[in-house]
Amino acid sequence: MHRILMRSGLCRSLVRAAAFGLLGLLGAASAALAQGHGAAYAAMSPFQCAGNGLDCATAATPAWGPDGALWLAWVANGDVVVARSPDGSGAVQRPVVVGRYGAFADIGPDARPQIVVGAGGRVIVAFGVFKDEQWNARVLVATSDDGGASFAAPRPVSDDDASQRFPALALASDGALFIAWVDKRLVAAAARQGRRVAGAAIAYAWSADGGEHFGPARIAHASSCECCRIGAALPAVGHPVLVFRDLAAPGVRDHALLAFAAADEPGPLRRVAVDDWQIDACPHHGPALAVGPQGLLHVAWYTQGRRRQGVFYARSADGGRRFSAPMRLGRAEDGTGRPAVLARAGRPAALARAGRPAVLARGVDVWLAWKSFDGQRSTVFVQRSRDAGRTWAAPQARLASAGYSDHPLLGWRGDAPMLSWLTHDEGLRLQDLRSAP
């Protein structure tokens, strides 16, 4: 199947579809499942590449250290790799292979290694590795105490045998590390009793020594989608906040927010919006979260619900009890109430498809980024608010590519808001959002 897809050109089309929140990829993955998850993810590969360098990665996660250096974590041909770019340009020095997992590396549409960099050159990376051919995985964590020159052997975040995927990391100012992930221990326990439970749960754990050891895993929420990444934040003053695709009702996968009242006390679940997306499948399209001053919450997400479809943003000033009316991203109005279209020379106009949102906040400044696809090219748009999300400037087209591309990601390099976007044709692209497009 892998050879057929690559020769026919369907492989690139399917991965593009997944990148923009379409569900065409699911058919390819399901068909290849008969050959095991390795074959399924091989079929998802958008291009053939022989090495484990950044040019062979389908996704790269950035993190900026206290000294302004850029760190990148990626998976290429089954190798989990971490590298440092001292000048922040994306030109990396001495990449280090953290682990080699071949077809068992989790490179699903919403899966990527996570990385945080603390004081003193400590680097922590978390990622998923499949342990069987039924999409069951284990979250592993590896740490470096020598500025990324070497990493300790990756170790499981939990000793539970149930599946764990989609880790999210947050590092506190005192060095404490928070990790959350999608966990199937409750599903597995129900199966042993002869009961079928849909979805998964959201689990978490703390490390007091920067990822060397973790305390017991606990369940933050017992019902979630099993195949979407988690948005996580750890405010400088406060406790963890999570946003994820919840199983709001049988067959309904809408987003919910959970703010902790204490380190080990998850607060009540708050629904971000009633989209009413009724789907018994995996969207592979998780949300984004940022926390501003006084706990102001910013959430961006993708849905194909009965009430709304597309990418949206909302804010909450009261810990998630109430959210603002969802604001659509990536669909400008042309004055007639109809969605705008993107004109292409020599071709019929096409409705732009938006997906993969990211959000960043500091003070009253908030940035949103997302990817739009017109059938031929991907364009990253950025939108800025200077009043904590109450009003927004017009979207700006920042970057574009005609080939395969990763999700756009946002992060801080000191006080500079940065956009990071990995593309196959142009490589890693970095941009200070304060600069002109």
Protein backbone atom coordinates (compact mmCIF):
# COMPACT_ATOMS: atom_id res chain seq x y z
CA MET A 1 0.00 0.00 0.00
CA HIS A 2 2.86 2.35 0.79
CA ARG A 3 4.28 1.99 -2.73
CA ILE A 4 0.87 2.44 -4.39
CA LEU A 5 0.17 5.65 -2.49
CA MET A 6 3.57 7.13 -3.18
CA ARG A 7 3.46 6.33 -6.89
CA SER A 8 -0.05 7.61 -7.39
CA GLY A 9 0.58 10.90 -5.64
CA LEU A 10 -2.28 10.27 -3.22
CA CYS A 11 0.09 10.29 -0.28
CA ARG A 12 0.88 14.00 -0.56
CA SER A 13 -2.80 14.85 -1.04
CA LEU A 14 -3.85 12.87 2.01
CA VAL A 15 -1.28 14.46 4.25
CA ARG A 16 -2.27 17.89 2.99
CA ALA A 17 -5.86 17.05 3.83
CA ALA A 18 -4.88 16.05 7.35
CA ALA A 19 -2.87 19.22 7.78
CA PHE A 20 -5.95 21.35 7.24
CA GLY A 21 -8.37 19.43 9.39
CA LEU A 22 -10.01 17.40 6.67
CA LEU A 23 -10.86 13.80 7.38
CA GLY A 24 -9.69 12.20 4.14
CA LEU A 25 -6.59 10.93 5.89
CA LEU A 26 -8.62 8.66 8.12
CA GLY A 27 -9.53 6.37 5.25
CA ALA A 28 -5.89 5.86 4.33
CA ALA A 29 -4.91 5.17 7.92
CA SER A 30 -7.78 2.72 8.42
CA ALA A 31 -6.97 0.87 5.21
CA ALA A 32 -3.33 0.54 6.18
CA LEU A 33 -4.21 -0.53 9.70
CA ALA A 34 -4.58 -4.09 8.45
CA GLN A 35 -0.83 -3.99 7.86
CA GLY A 36 -0.16 -2.43 11.26
CA HIS A 37 0.33 1.13 12.42
CA GLY A 38 3.81 1.24 10.90
CA ALA A 39 2.35 0.77 7.43
CA ALA A 40 -0.43 3.23 8.18
CA TYR A 41 1.95 6.00 9.18
CA ALA A 42 4.31 5.12 6.35
CA ALA A 43 1.38 5.77 4.03
CA MET A 44 0.98 9.19 5.63
CA SER A 45 4.55 10.22 4.86
CA PRO A 46 4.36 13.17 2.45
CA PHE A 47 7.79 12.65 0.90
CA GLN A 48 10.62 10.17 0.81
CA CYS A 49 13.81 11.13 2.61
CA ALA A 50 16.75 9.01 3.68
CA GLY A 51 18.18 10.71 6.76
CA ASN A 52 17.16 11.96 10.19
CA GLY A 53 17.94 15.63 9.62
CA LEU A 54 15.50 18.49 9.86
CA ASP A 55 14.98 18.30 6.09
CA CYS A 56 13.46 14.83 6.57
CA ALA A 57 11.13 15.82 9.42
CA THR A 58 7.40 16.29 8.95
CA ALA A 59 7.08 18.30 12.17
CA ALA A 60 9.50 20.32 14.32
CA THR A 61 8.77 21.79 17.74
CA PRO A 62 10.67 24.93 18.78
CA ALA A 63 11.61 26.20 22.23
CA TRP A 64 13.68 29.27 23.03
CA GLY A 65 16.03 29.06 25.99
CA PRO A 66 16.74 31.79 28.56
CA ASP A 67 19.80 32.82 26.49
CA GLY A 68 17.72 33.29 23.34
CA ALA A 69 19.05 30.16 21.64
CA LEU A 70 16.55 28.15 19.62
CA TRP A 71 16.01 24.47 20.38
CA LEU A 72 14.23 22.10 18.04
CA ALA A 73 12.83 18.61 18.53
CA TRP A 74 11.69 16.49 15.60
CA VAL A 75 11.18 12.94 14.35
CA ALA A 76 12.67 11.80 11.05
CA ASN A 77 12.66 8.22 9.81
CA GLY A 78 11.81 6.98 13.29
CA ASP A 79 14.61 8.87 15.08
CA VAL A 80 13.75 11.42 17.77
CA VAL A 81 16.26 14.24 17.39
CA VAL A 82 17.06 17.38 19.40
CA ALA A 83 19.31 20.20 18.21
CA ARG A 84 20.30 23.74 19.21
CA SER A 85 20.57 26.83 17.04
CA PRO A 86 22.76 29.24 19.07
CA ASP A 87 21.95 32.34 17.01
CA GLY A 88 18.26 31.49 16.75
CA SER A 89 18.40 31.34 12.94
CA GLY A 90 17.37 27.70 12.67
CA ALA A 91 20.84 26.59 11.58
CA VAL A 92 21.43 23.76 14.06
CA GLN A 93 24.65 22.44 15.53
CA ARG A 94 25.39 18.81 16.42
CA PRO A 95 21.91 17.23 16.43
CA VAL A 96 21.56 14.54 19.08
CA VAL A 97 19.50 11.39 18.53
CA VAL A 98 17.48 10.83 21.70
CA GLY A 99 16.05 7.49 20.57
CA ARG A 100 15.57 5.30 17.50
CA TYR A 101 12.12 3.76 17.09
CA GLY A 102 11.59 3.17 13.38
CA ALA A 103 7.95 2.68 12.40
CA PHE A 104 6.94 2.76 16.08
CA ALA A 105 7.64 6.49 16.43
CA ASP A 106 4.37 8.39 16.81
CA ILE A 107 4.21 10.80 13.86
CA GLY A 108 0.44 11.09 13.57
CA PRO A 109 -1.12 14.31 12.22
CA ASP A 110 -1.47 15.80 15.71
CA ALA A 111 1.57 14.12 17.31
CA ARG A 112 4.96 15.76 17.76
CA PRO A 113 7.77 15.71 20.33
CA GLN A 114 7.47 18.35 23.03
CA ILE A 115 10.45 20.30 24.37
CA VAL A 116 11.10 22.79 27.18
CA VAL A 117 14.36 24.46 28.18
CA GLY A 118 15.04 25.54 31.74
CA ALA A 119 17.70 27.45 33.57
CA GLY A 120 21.23 26.07 33.64
CA GLY A 121 20.97 24.42 30.24
CA ARG A 122 18.51 21.70 31.27
CA VAL A 123 16.53 20.36 28.32
CA ILE A 124 13.47 18.12 28.60
CA VAL A 125 11.80 16.35 25.69
CA ALA A 126 8.67 14.17 25.71
CA PHE A 127 7.28 12.06 22.88
CA GLY A 128 5.11 9.05 22.10
CA VAL A 129 6.24 5.63 20.90
CA PHE A 130 3.86 2.90 19.79
CA LYS A 131 4.16 -0.42 21.57
CA ASP A 132 1.82 -2.52 19.42
CA GLU A 133 -0.11 -2.36 16.16
CA GLN A 134 -3.40 -1.19 17.70
CA TRP A 135 -2.25 2.43 18.11
CA ASN A 136 -1.39 1.94 21.78
CA ALA A 137 1.61 4.06 22.73
CA ARG A 138 3.79 5.05 25.68
CA VAL A 139 4.91 8.57 26.53
CA LEU A 140 8.66 8.75 27.13
CA VAL A 141 10.67 11.59 28.66
CA ALA A 142 14.38 12.27 28.15
CA THR A 143 16.47 14.93 29.89
CA SER A 144 19.81 16.62 29.34
CA ASP A 145 21.91 18.33 32.00
CA ASP A 146 24.79 19.33 29.71
CA GLY A 147 23.11 21.80 27.41
CA GLY A 148 21.79 19.18 25.00
CA ALA A 149 25.16 17.55 24.30
CA SER A 150 23.73 14.24 25.52
CA PHE A 151 20.46 12.88 26.86
CA ALA A 152 19.66 10.29 29.48
CA ALA A 153 17.88 7.18 28.23
CA PRO A 154 14.20 7.95 27.66
CA ARG A 155 11.95 6.60 30.41
CA PRO A 156 8.18 6.20 30.71
CA VAL A 157 6.26 8.98 32.39
CA SER A 158 3.99 6.31 33.93
CA ASP A 159 4.35 2.60 34.61
CA ASP A 160 0.73 1.89 33.67
CA ASP A 161 0.43 -0.49 30.73
CA ALA A 162 -2.46 1.39 29.09
CA SER A 163 -1.90 3.62 26.08
CA GLN A 164 -0.50 7.14 26.50
CA ARG A 165 -0.22 9.72 23.70
CA PHE A 166 0.04 13.45 22.94
CA PRO A 167 2.14 14.76 25.85
CA ALA A 168 2.06 18.46 26.73
CA LEU A 169 4.81 20.03 28.87
CA ALA A 170 4.87 23.15 31.03
CA LEU A 171 7.82 24.30 33.14
CA ALA A 172 7.29 26.40 36.27
CA SER A 173 9.64 29.20 37.28
CA ASP A 174 10.88 27.11 40.23
CA GLY A 175 11.84 24.23 37.92
CA ALA A 176 8.82 22.04 38.62
CA LEU A 177 7.64 20.24 35.49
CA PHE A 178 4.01 19.55 34.65
CA ILE A 179 3.08 17.00 32.01
CA ALA A 180 -0.35 16.00 30.73
CA TRP A 181 -1.28 13.39 28.15
CA VAL A 182 -4.15 11.42 26.63
CA ASP A 183 -4.45 8.21 28.65
CA LYS A 184 -6.43 4.99 28.18
CA ARG A 185 -6.14 3.30 31.56
CA LEU A 186 -9.84 3.80 32.31
CA VAL A 187 -10.78 2.41 28.90
CA ALA A 188 -8.54 -0.60 29.49
CA ALA A 189 -10.00 -1.19 32.98
CA ALA A 190 -13.52 -1.10 31.56
CA ALA A 191 -12.56 -3.56 28.82
CA ARG A 192 -11.29 -6.02 31.43
CA GLN A 193 -14.77 -5.90 32.96
CA GLY A 194 -16.41 -6.51 29.61
CA ARG A 195 -17.54 -2.90 29.12
CA ARG A 196 -16.79 -0.67 26.14
CA VAL A 197 -15.86 2.94 26.93
CA ALA A 198 -15.34 5.43 24.13
CA GLY A 199 -12.44 7.86 23.90
CA ALA A 200 -9.80 8.23 26.56
CA ALA A 201 -8.96 10.33 29.63
CA ILE A 202 -6.65 13.24 30.41
CA ALA A 203 -3.89 12.29 32.84
CA TYR A 204 -1.13 14.37 34.41
CA ALA A 205 1.92 14.13 36.66
CA TRP A 206 4.46 16.43 38.32
CA SER A 207 8.23 16.27 38.51
CA ALA A 208 10.05 18.20 41.23
CA ASP A 209 13.49 17.59 39.69
CA GLY A 210 13.03 18.74 36.12
CA GLY A 211 11.89 15.45 34.62
CA GLU A 212 14.28 13.05 36.35
CA HIS A 213 11.44 11.47 38.32
CA PHE A 214 7.68 11.86 38.20
CA GLY A 215 5.12 11.58 40.92
CA PRO A 216 2.08 9.33 40.52
CA ALA A 217 -0.06 9.80 37.45
CA ARG A 218 -3.53 11.13 38.17
CA ILE A 219 -6.64 11.50 36.05
CA ALA A 220 -7.65 15.12 35.51
CA HIS A 221 -10.75 14.28 33.48
CA ALA A 222 -12.19 10.86 32.69
CA SER A 223 -13.56 11.45 29.19
CA SER A 224 -11.78 12.96 26.19
CA CYS A 225 -11.12 12.42 22.51
CA GLU A 226 -8.32 9.88 22.09
CA CYS A 227 -6.54 11.40 19.10
CA CYS A 228 -6.13 15.16 19.55
CA ARG A 229 -3.29 17.09 21.13
CA ILE A 230 -3.78 18.96 24.42
CA GLY A 231 -3.31 22.68 25.01
CA ALA A 232 -1.51 23.25 28.33
CA ALA A 233 -0.28 26.33 30.19
CA LEU A 234 1.30 26.96 33.58
CA PRO A 235 0.91 30.63 34.53
CA ALA A 236 3.73 32.33 36.42
CA VAL A 237 1.28 32.83 39.27
CA GLY A 238 -1.31 30.11 39.39
CA HIS A 239 -1.91 26.48 38.57
CA PRO A 240 -2.09 24.42 35.37
CA VAL A 241 -4.75 25.04 32.76
CA LEU A 242 -5.71 22.47 30.12
CA VAL A 243 -7.89 22.66 27.05
CA PHE A 244 -8.79 19.55 25.06
CA ARG A 245 -11.40 17.94 22.84
CA ASP A 246 -13.93 16.51 25.28
CA LEU A 247 -16.55 13.82 24.78
CA ALA A 248 -19.28 16.23 25.77
CA ALA A 249 -22.05 13.69 25.06
CA PRO A 250 -22.26 10.38 23.21
CA GLY A 251 -20.78 11.07 19.80
CA VAL A 252 -20.15 14.80 20.44
CA ARG A 253 -16.52 16.01 20.45
CA ASP A 254 -16.41 19.66 21.50
CA HIS A 255 -13.71 21.53 23.41
CA ALA A 256 -13.53 22.01 27.16
CA LEU A 257 -11.22 23.80 29.57
CA LEU A 258 -10.02 22.60 32.94
CA ALA A 259 -8.26 25.03 35.31
CA PHE A 260 -6.58 23.54 38.37
CA ALA A 261 -7.52 24.99 41.76
CA ALA A 262 -4.27 23.58 43.22
CA ALA A 263 -1.35 21.54 41.96
CA ASP A 264 -3.28 18.28 42.34
CA GLU A 265 -6.83 19.62 42.33
CA PRO A 266 -8.40 19.85 38.85
CA GLY A 267 -11.26 22.30 38.87
CA PRO A 268 -14.65 21.85 37.22
CA LEU A 269 -14.86 21.22 33.50
CA ARG A 270 -15.93 24.27 31.47
CA ARG A 271 -17.15 23.96 27.90
CA VAL A 272 -15.46 26.45 25.58
CA ALA A 273 -18.27 26.49 23.02
CA VAL A 274 -21.24 24.37 22.03
CA ASP A 275 -20.23 23.43 18.49
CA ASP A 276 -22.11 20.11 18.52
CA TRP A 277 -19.59 18.23 16.40
CA GLN A 278 -21.12 14.78 16.26
CA ILE A 279 -18.46 12.43 15.00
CA ASP A 280 -17.46 8.91 15.94
CA ALA A 281 -13.97 9.24 14.51
CA CYS A 282 -10.65 10.97 15.15
CA PRO A 283 -10.39 14.61 14.03
CA HIS A 284 -6.61 14.67 14.72
CA HIS A 285 -6.96 18.42 15.28
CA GLY A 286 -6.39 19.67 18.83
CA PRO A 287 -6.78 23.15 20.35
CA ALA A 288 -4.37 25.90 21.40
CA LEU A 289 -4.23 27.77 24.72
CA ALA A 290 -2.54 30.86 26.15
CA VAL A 291 -2.94 32.49 29.56
CA GLY A 292 -2.56 36.24 30.02
CA PRO A 293 -2.42 38.50 33.10
CA GLN A 294 -4.93 37.90 35.87
CA GLY A 295 -5.67 34.50 34.42
CA LEU A 296 -7.22 35.75 31.18
CA LEU A 297 -7.68 32.68 28.98
CA HIS A 298 -7.30 32.57 25.20
CA VAL A 299 -8.40 29.47 23.28
CA ALA A 300 -8.34 28.67 19.56
CA TRP A 301 -9.78 25.51 18.04
CA TYR A 302 -11.09 23.72 14.96
CA THR A 303 -14.55 22.22 14.56
CA GLN A 304 -16.96 20.85 12.00
CA GLY A 305 -19.96 20.99 14.30
CA ARG A 306 -23.60 21.51 13.51
CA ARG A 307 -23.53 25.02 14.96
CA ARG A 308 -20.29 26.22 13.38
CA GLN A 309 -17.51 24.99 11.13
CA GLY A 310 -13.95 26.22 10.80
CA VAL A 311 -11.34 27.71 13.16
CA PHE A 312 -12.41 29.93 16.06
CA TYR A 313 -11.08 31.99 18.95
CA ALA A 314 -12.67 32.87 22.30
CA ARG A 315 -11.49 34.45 25.58
CA SER A 316 -12.53 34.10 29.19
CA ALA A 317 -11.85 36.54 32.03
CA ASP A 318 -13.38 34.42 34.79
CA GLY A 319 -11.46 31.17 34.72
CA GLY A 320 -13.50 29.62 31.94
CA ARG A 321 -16.95 30.03 33.46
CA ARG A 322 -17.97 32.17 30.51
CA PHE A 323 -16.33 32.53 27.12
CA SER A 324 -16.80 35.27 24.58
CA ALA A 325 -18.74 34.52 21.41
CA PRO A 326 -16.50 32.48 19.10
CA MET A 327 -14.67 34.61 16.52
CA ARG A 328 -14.06 32.91 13.19
CA LEU A 329 -10.51 32.84 11.82
CA GLY A 330 -9.55 32.58 8.20
CA ARG A 331 -12.88 33.51 6.65
CA ALA A 332 -13.15 37.20 5.85
CA GLU A 333 -16.49 38.69 4.81
CA ASP A 334 -16.82 40.44 1.47
CA GLY A 335 -19.63 42.75 2.57
CA THR A 336 -22.42 40.47 1.41
CA GLY A 337 -22.21 37.94 4.23
CA ARG A 338 -20.71 35.33 1.90
CA PRO A 339 -17.31 33.78 2.66
CA ALA A 340 -14.45 35.33 0.76
CA VAL A 341 -12.65 33.25 -1.83
CA LEU A 342 -9.05 33.13 -2.96
CA ALA A 343 -8.61 33.88 -6.66
CA ARG A 344 -5.98 31.92 -8.58
CA ALA A 345 -4.78 32.97 -11.99
CA GLY A 346 -6.18 30.73 -14.68
CA ARG A 347 -8.22 28.65 -12.26
CA PRO A 348 -11.64 28.94 -10.63
CA ALA A 349 -11.66 30.73 -7.30
CA ALA A 350 -11.50 28.43 -4.27
CA LEU A 351 -12.79 28.80 -0.76
CA ALA A 352 -9.83 28.96 1.63
CA ARG A 353 -9.68 26.24 4.30
CA ALA A 354 -8.30 27.26 7.68
CA GLY A 355 -6.79 24.95 10.29
CA ARG A 356 -4.07 24.33 12.87
CA PRO A 357 -4.49 27.43 15.07
CA ALA A 358 -1.89 28.68 17.56
CA VAL A 359 -2.21 31.43 20.17
CA LEU A 360 0.31 33.47 22.18
CA ALA A 361 -0.29 36.06 24.89
CA ARG A 362 1.71 38.43 27.08
CA GLY A 363 0.32 41.50 28.77
CA VAL A 364 -2.39 42.99 26.57
CA ASP A 365 -0.80 41.63 23.39
CA VAL A 366 -2.30 38.46 21.89
CA TRP A 367 -1.32 36.79 18.61
CA LEU A 368 -3.19 34.17 16.62
CA ALA A 369 -1.73 32.13 13.78
CA TRP A 370 -3.30 29.55 11.51
CA LYS A 371 -2.78 27.87 8.18
CA SER A 372 -5.04 28.38 5.18
CA PHE A 373 -5.13 26.14 2.12
CA ASP A 374 -6.63 27.06 -1.26
CA GLY A 375 -6.11 23.71 -2.93
CA GLN A 376 -2.65 24.61 -4.21
CA ARG A 377 -0.77 26.65 -1.61
CA SER A 378 -0.62 26.88 2.16
CA THR A 379 -0.51 30.35 3.69
CA VAL A 380 0.15 31.20 7.34
CA PHE A 381 -1.94 34.11 8.60
CA VAL A 382 -1.31 36.07 11.78
CA GLN A 383 -3.74 38.32 13.62
CA ARG A 384 -2.93 40.62 16.56
CA SER A 385 -4.90 42.11 19.42
CA ARG A 386 -3.49 44.99 21.48
CA ASP A 387 -6.28 44.95 24.07
CA ALA A 388 -6.17 41.37 25.45
CA GLY A 389 -8.38 39.89 22.76
CA ARG A 390 -11.29 42.33 22.82
CA THR A 391 -10.62 43.67 19.32
CA TRP A 392 -8.37 42.49 16.52
CA ALA A 393 -6.46 43.98 13.62
CA ALA A 394 -6.98 42.54 10.15
CA PRO A 395 -5.22 39.21 9.44
CA GLN A 396 -1.84 39.40 7.74
CA ALA A 397 -0.50 36.80 5.32
CA ARG A 398 2.98 36.03 6.65
CA LEU A 399 4.38 32.99 4.86
CA ALA A 400 3.36 30.66 2.04
CA SER A 401 4.45 27.36 0.54
CA ALA A 402 3.28 25.14 -2.31
CA GLY A 403 4.67 21.94 -0.77
CA TYR A 404 4.11 19.97 2.40
CA SER A 405 4.17 22.02 5.60
CA ASP A 406 3.88 21.51 9.34
CA HIS A 407 1.52 23.40 11.65
CA PRO A 408 2.49 27.02 12.38
CA LEU A 409 3.71 27.41 15.96
CA LEU A 410 4.19 30.43 18.23
CA GLY A 411 6.63 31.03 21.07
CA TRP A 412 8.70 33.61 22.93
CA ARG A 413 12.32 34.45 22.30
CA GLY A 414 12.83 36.72 25.28
CA ASP A 415 10.29 39.48 24.68
CA ALA A 416 9.97 38.73 20.96
CA PRO A 417 6.88 36.86 19.74
CA MET A 418 8.10 34.30 17.22
CA LEU A 419 6.43 32.35 14.43
CA SER A 420 7.97 28.99 13.49
CA TRP A 421 6.91 27.04 10.39
CA LEU A 422 8.60 23.99 8.92
CA THR A 423 8.07 23.50 5.18
CA HIS A 424 9.51 20.80 2.99
CA ASP A 425 10.36 23.08 0.09
CA GLU A 426 11.75 26.08 2.02
CA GLY A 427 12.91 24.45 5.27
CA LEU A 428 12.40 25.96 8.73
CA ARG A 429 11.08 29.50 8.61
CA LEU A 430 11.24 31.85 11.60
CA GLN A 431 9.76 35.30 11.91
CA ASP A 432 9.57 37.95 14.62
CA LEU A 433 5.91 38.94 14.60
CA ARG A 434 6.76 42.54 15.47
CA SER A 435 8.37 42.93 12.05
CA ALA A 436 6.47 43.84 8.90
CA PRO A 437 5.17 40.86 6.92
